[in-house]
Amino acid sequence: MMTARHWMVIAWPAFLLAGVLEMIVFAMVDPSDLHWFGQPLDWSRQAVYTVGFFVFWAVNMASSALTVLLVLPGRGEDR
């Protein structure tokens, strides 16, 4: 069972890495140059940065959650 501590172990490193990824990606990519299905993305820079951060955070949380689930003991194993 996932406890609150497990969720913090998942969320905090994912949050930090999302911030680092945000800095790296948007140091090289200008949000005003982005296109979606061939059309210019008509979002403000702040909206692109915000959505980008939350996408990076969600992907990193999924990765961390899978790691935590893999190290949790199974039902038949000793705790």
Protein backbone atom coordinates (compact mmCIF):
# COMPACT_ATOMS: atom_id res chain seq x y z
CA MET A 1 0.00 0.00 0.00
CA MET A 2 1.26 3.46 -0.87
CA THR A 3 1.65 5.71 2.16
CA ALA A 4 1.96 9.49 2.31
CA ARG A 5 5.71 9.02 2.71
CA HIS A 6 5.85 7.03 -0.53
CA TRP A 7 4.01 9.82 -2.34
CA MET A 8 6.49 12.40 -1.05
CA VAL A 9 9.40 10.18 -2.12
CA ILE A 10 7.80 10.18 -5.57
CA ALA A 11 6.73 13.84 -5.83
CA TRP A 12 9.70 15.73 -4.40
CA PRO A 13 12.52 14.39 -6.64
CA ALA A 14 10.16 14.58 -9.65
CA PHE A 15 9.46 18.24 -8.83
CA LEU A 16 13.16 19.06 -8.61
CA LEU A 17 13.97 17.26 -11.84
CA ALA A 18 11.05 18.96 -13.62
CA GLY A 19 12.55 22.32 -12.67
CA VAL A 20 15.95 21.30 -14.03
CA LEU A 21 14.42 19.96 -17.26
CA GLU A 22 12.42 23.16 -17.64
CA MET A 23 15.60 25.23 -17.45
CA ILE A 24 17.51 22.99 -19.88
CA VAL A 25 14.74 22.65 -22.48
CA PHE A 26 13.65 26.28 -22.53
CA ALA A 27 17.24 27.53 -22.59
CA MET A 28 17.34 25.96 -26.07
CA VAL A 29 13.70 26.22 -27.23
CA ASP A 30 11.83 29.48 -27.72
CA PRO A 31 8.12 29.00 -26.85
CA SER A 32 7.08 31.40 -29.62
CA ASP A 33 8.64 29.06 -32.22
CA LEU A 34 6.57 26.02 -31.21
CA HIS A 35 4.06 24.48 -33.62
CA TRP A 36 1.27 21.94 -32.98
CA PHE A 37 0.18 19.86 -36.00
CA GLY A 38 1.71 22.41 -38.36
CA GLN A 39 -0.02 25.41 -36.77
CA PRO A 40 1.77 27.96 -34.59
CA LEU A 41 1.02 27.44 -30.92
CA ASP A 42 -0.99 30.49 -29.91
CA TRP A 43 -0.15 30.41 -26.20
CA SER A 44 1.70 32.94 -24.09
CA ARG A 45 5.26 32.15 -23.06
CA GLN A 46 4.14 31.74 -19.45
CA ALA A 47 1.46 29.22 -20.49
CA VAL A 48 4.03 27.16 -22.43
CA TYR A 49 6.45 27.24 -19.48
CA THR A 50 3.68 26.22 -17.07
CA VAL A 51 2.33 23.37 -19.19
CA GLY A 52 5.87 22.21 -19.93
CA PHE A 53 6.72 22.11 -16.24
CA PHE A 54 3.62 20.08 -15.37
CA VAL A 55 4.25 17.65 -18.24
CA PHE A 56 7.85 17.16 -17.10
CA TRP A 57 6.66 16.72 -13.51
CA ALA A 58 4.01 14.15 -14.49
CA VAL A 59 6.48 12.09 -16.54
CA ASN A 60 9.04 12.14 -13.73
CA MET A 61 6.38 11.22 -11.15
CA ALA A 62 5.33 8.25 -13.29
CA SER A 63 8.94 7.10 -13.47
CA SER A 64 9.44 7.50 -9.72
CA ALA A 65 6.12 5.78 -8.94
CA LEU A 66 7.08 2.77 -11.03
CA THR A 67 10.38 2.57 -9.16
CA VAL A 68 8.64 2.73 -5.77
CA LEU A 69 6.10 0.10 -6.81
CA LEU A 70 8.89 -2.22 -7.94
CA VAL A 71 10.71 -2.01 -4.59
CA LEU A 72 7.61 -2.46 -2.42
CA PRO A 73 7.42 -5.95 -0.94
CA GLY A 74 4.75 -8.23 -2.36
CA ARG A 75 1.92 -9.74 -0.34
CA GLY A 76 3.72 -13.00 0.36
CA GLU A 77 7.08 -11.42 1.17
CA ASP A 78 8.34 -10.48 4.63
CA ARG A 79 8.22 -6.81 5.41
